[in-house]
Amino acid sequence: MTRNSRPLAVFDLDNTLSDAGHRQRFLERRPRDWDAFFAAAPKDPPLAPGVELCLEAAEDCDVVYLTGRPERCREDTVAWLADHGLPEGPVHMRRNHDRRPARVTKLEILRRLSANREIRMLVDDDELVCDAAERAGFRVVRARWAPSSQALEEAQEKEGRT
């Protein structure tokens, strides 16, 4: 297969481009309120360091978004990206009932994307995703500009929800 000459820059959303901090409270209760957590996503403020990096990367790369959000959030997610002036690009989302850890689902998509395109970088806040991507040979930028949340980390790894 012919490789496209323009590389890809792959960006996570929650706590990389968008500040999900205001909705963490929905994950801190038992049972976790996933519907409320995702319903509040359109209100996420943008994270300036992530947005700036994305806009800069778009000068030399095609931007791809890779999120653990479920497919049912696609319309809100695409609208949020447009509302905040982020580059157009494909949005890869978790299938609605896929509960595998983000480090598994995201690496699977990265490998598929890299089959015919160079991946210049993956930008993500999830340390386990970053570790897995680095082990697989991808260049990683760790998005450490948003406060981490134990509830979100557990959700990403143990519940496969984001």
Protein backbone atom coordinates (compact mmCIF):
# COMPACT_ATOMS: atom_id res chain seq x y z
CA MET A 1 0.00 0.00 0.00
CA THR A 2 1.31 3.47 -0.84
CA ARG A 3 2.12 5.65 2.16
CA ASN A 4 0.69 9.15 2.22
CA SER A 5 3.54 11.65 2.42
CA ARG A 6 1.91 13.76 5.13
CA PRO A 7 2.35 12.23 8.63
CA LEU A 8 -0.35 11.96 11.28
CA ALA A 9 -0.51 13.70 14.64
CA VAL A 10 -2.88 11.77 16.91
CA PHE A 11 -4.58 13.59 19.78
CA ASP A 12 -6.60 12.33 22.72
CA LEU A 13 -9.49 14.53 23.89
CA ASP A 14 -10.30 14.32 27.61
CA ASN A 15 -7.62 16.08 29.68
CA THR A 16 -5.47 16.53 26.58
CA LEU A 17 -7.50 18.96 24.46
CA SER A 18 -10.51 19.36 26.75
CA ASP A 19 -10.58 19.93 30.50
CA ALA A 20 -12.82 17.18 31.88
CA GLY A 21 -12.21 18.23 35.49
CA HIS A 22 -15.68 19.68 36.02
CA ARG A 23 -17.28 16.30 35.29
CA GLN A 24 -15.00 14.08 37.37
CA ARG A 25 -17.56 14.21 40.18
CA PHE A 26 -19.78 11.85 38.19
CA LEU A 27 -17.06 9.19 38.40
CA GLU A 28 -16.36 9.64 42.10
CA ARG A 29 -19.74 8.28 43.20
CA ARG A 30 -20.94 4.69 43.28
CA PRO A 31 -22.32 3.66 40.97
CA ARG A 32 -20.52 5.92 38.52
CA ASP A 33 -22.89 8.09 36.48
CA TRP A 34 -21.53 7.57 32.96
CA ASP A 35 -24.50 9.17 31.23
CA ALA A 36 -24.00 12.42 33.17
CA PHE A 37 -20.23 12.26 32.70
CA PHE A 38 -20.50 12.12 28.91
CA ALA A 39 -23.51 14.48 28.75
CA ALA A 40 -21.36 17.18 30.39
CA ALA A 41 -18.51 16.82 27.86
CA PRO A 42 -19.76 19.59 25.53
CA LYS A 43 -19.18 22.04 28.42
CA ASP A 44 -15.48 21.14 28.72
CA PRO A 45 -13.25 24.19 28.40
CA PRO A 46 -10.33 23.78 26.02
CA LEU A 47 -6.85 23.19 27.43
CA ALA A 48 -4.59 25.84 25.86
CA PRO A 49 -1.36 23.75 25.82
CA GLY A 50 -3.11 20.89 24.01
CA VAL A 51 -4.96 23.15 21.58
CA GLU A 52 -1.76 25.06 20.75
CA LEU A 53 0.15 21.84 20.16
CA CYS A 54 -2.64 20.52 17.94
CA LEU A 55 -2.75 23.69 15.84
CA GLU A 56 1.05 23.66 15.53
CA ALA A 57 1.08 19.99 14.53
CA ALA A 58 -1.56 20.65 11.86
CA GLU A 59 0.96 22.77 9.96
CA ASP A 60 2.97 19.67 9.01
CA CYS A 61 0.62 16.78 9.81
CA ASP A 62 -2.92 15.59 9.27
CA VAL A 63 -4.65 15.55 12.66
CA VAL A 64 -6.49 12.49 13.90
CA TYR A 65 -8.45 12.34 17.15
CA LEU A 66 -8.32 9.15 19.21
CA THR A 67 -10.59 9.04 22.23
CA GLY A 68 -11.93 6.49 24.65
CA ARG A 69 -15.32 8.22 24.52
CA PRO A 70 -18.05 5.91 23.23
CA GLU A 71 -19.38 6.24 19.71
CA ARG A 72 -22.69 7.61 21.02
CA CYS A 73 -20.80 10.84 21.87
CA ARG A 74 -19.67 11.47 18.28
CA GLU A 75 -22.00 14.38 17.44
CA ASP A 76 -21.14 16.32 20.61
CA THR A 77 -17.43 15.56 20.18
CA VAL A 78 -17.24 16.73 16.56
CA ALA A 79 -19.20 19.89 17.46
CA TRP A 80 -16.85 20.61 20.40
CA LEU A 81 -13.78 20.31 18.15
CA ALA A 82 -15.29 22.69 15.58
CA ASP A 83 -16.51 25.15 18.23
CA HIS A 84 -12.97 25.43 19.59
CA GLY A 85 -11.28 25.92 16.22
CA LEU A 86 -9.44 22.62 16.12
CA PRO A 87 -8.44 21.15 12.77
CA GLU A 88 -10.81 18.84 10.98
CA GLY A 89 -9.80 15.21 11.06
CA PRO A 90 -11.15 11.74 11.60
CA VAL A 91 -12.38 10.96 15.11
CA HIS A 92 -11.75 7.39 16.28
CA MET A 93 -14.02 6.44 19.18
CA ARG A 94 -14.64 3.38 21.30
CA ARG A 95 -17.52 1.17 20.19
CA ASN A 96 -20.43 1.74 22.58
CA HIS A 97 -20.06 -1.56 24.44
CA ASP A 98 -16.29 -2.03 24.16
CA ARG A 99 -14.95 -2.25 27.73
CA ARG A 100 -11.33 -3.08 27.00
CA PRO A 101 -8.75 -0.76 28.61
CA ALA A 102 -7.85 2.37 26.65
CA ARG A 103 -4.23 1.17 26.41
CA VAL A 104 -5.52 -1.79 24.37
CA THR A 105 -8.12 -0.07 22.19
CA LYS A 106 -5.96 2.95 21.38
CA LEU A 107 -2.88 0.88 20.53
CA GLU A 108 -5.01 -1.25 18.20
CA ILE A 109 -6.10 1.88 16.32
CA LEU A 110 -2.58 3.34 16.26
CA ARG A 111 -1.27 0.15 14.68
CA ARG A 112 -4.03 0.21 12.08
CA LEU A 113 -3.32 3.87 11.25
CA SER A 114 0.43 3.26 11.02
CA ALA A 115 -0.05 0.53 8.41
CA ASN A 116 -0.16 3.16 5.67
CA ARG A 117 0.75 6.46 7.34
CA GLU A 118 3.65 7.68 9.43
CA ILE A 119 2.51 8.64 12.91
CA ARG A 120 4.57 11.65 13.94
CA MET A 121 3.22 11.67 17.48
CA LEU A 122 0.54 10.54 19.87
CA VAL A 123 -0.51 13.13 22.46
CA ASP A 124 -2.37 11.59 25.42
CA ASP A 125 -2.75 12.08 29.17
CA ASP A 126 -3.21 8.41 30.08
CA GLU A 127 0.16 7.14 31.31
CA LEU A 128 -0.71 3.51 30.53
CA VAL A 129 -1.68 4.41 26.96
CA CYS A 130 1.55 6.39 26.61
CA ASP A 131 3.65 3.53 28.00
CA ALA A 132 2.02 0.99 25.65
CA ALA A 133 2.46 3.27 22.63
CA GLU A 134 6.13 3.91 23.45
CA ARG A 135 6.77 0.17 23.85
CA ALA A 136 5.21 -0.31 20.40
CA GLY A 137 7.64 2.24 18.94
CA PHE A 138 5.42 5.32 18.65
CA ARG A 139 6.64 8.80 19.59
CA VAL A 140 4.57 10.02 22.53
CA VAL A 141 3.94 13.44 23.99
CA ARG A 142 2.56 13.05 27.51
CA ALA A 143 -0.20 15.58 28.13
CA ARG A 144 0.52 16.51 31.73
CA TRP A 145 -1.13 19.93 31.66
CA ALA A 146 -4.42 18.89 33.33
CA PRO A 147 -4.72 17.58 36.89
CA SER A 148 -5.02 13.81 36.98
CA SER A 149 -7.99 12.08 38.53
CA GLN A 150 -7.83 8.72 40.28
CA ALA A 151 -11.47 8.08 39.34
CA LEU A 152 -10.76 8.72 35.66
CA GLU A 153 -7.61 6.57 35.73
CA GLU A 154 -9.59 3.66 37.22
CA ALA A 155 -12.33 4.16 34.65
CA GLN A 156 -9.84 4.09 31.79
CA GLU A 157 -8.00 1.00 32.96
CA LYS A 158 -10.47 -1.13 34.91
CA GLU A 159 -13.83 -0.25 33.43
CA GLY A 160 -12.88 0.55 29.84
CA ARG A 161 -15.26 3.48 29.67
CA THR A 162 -13.17 6.40 28.45
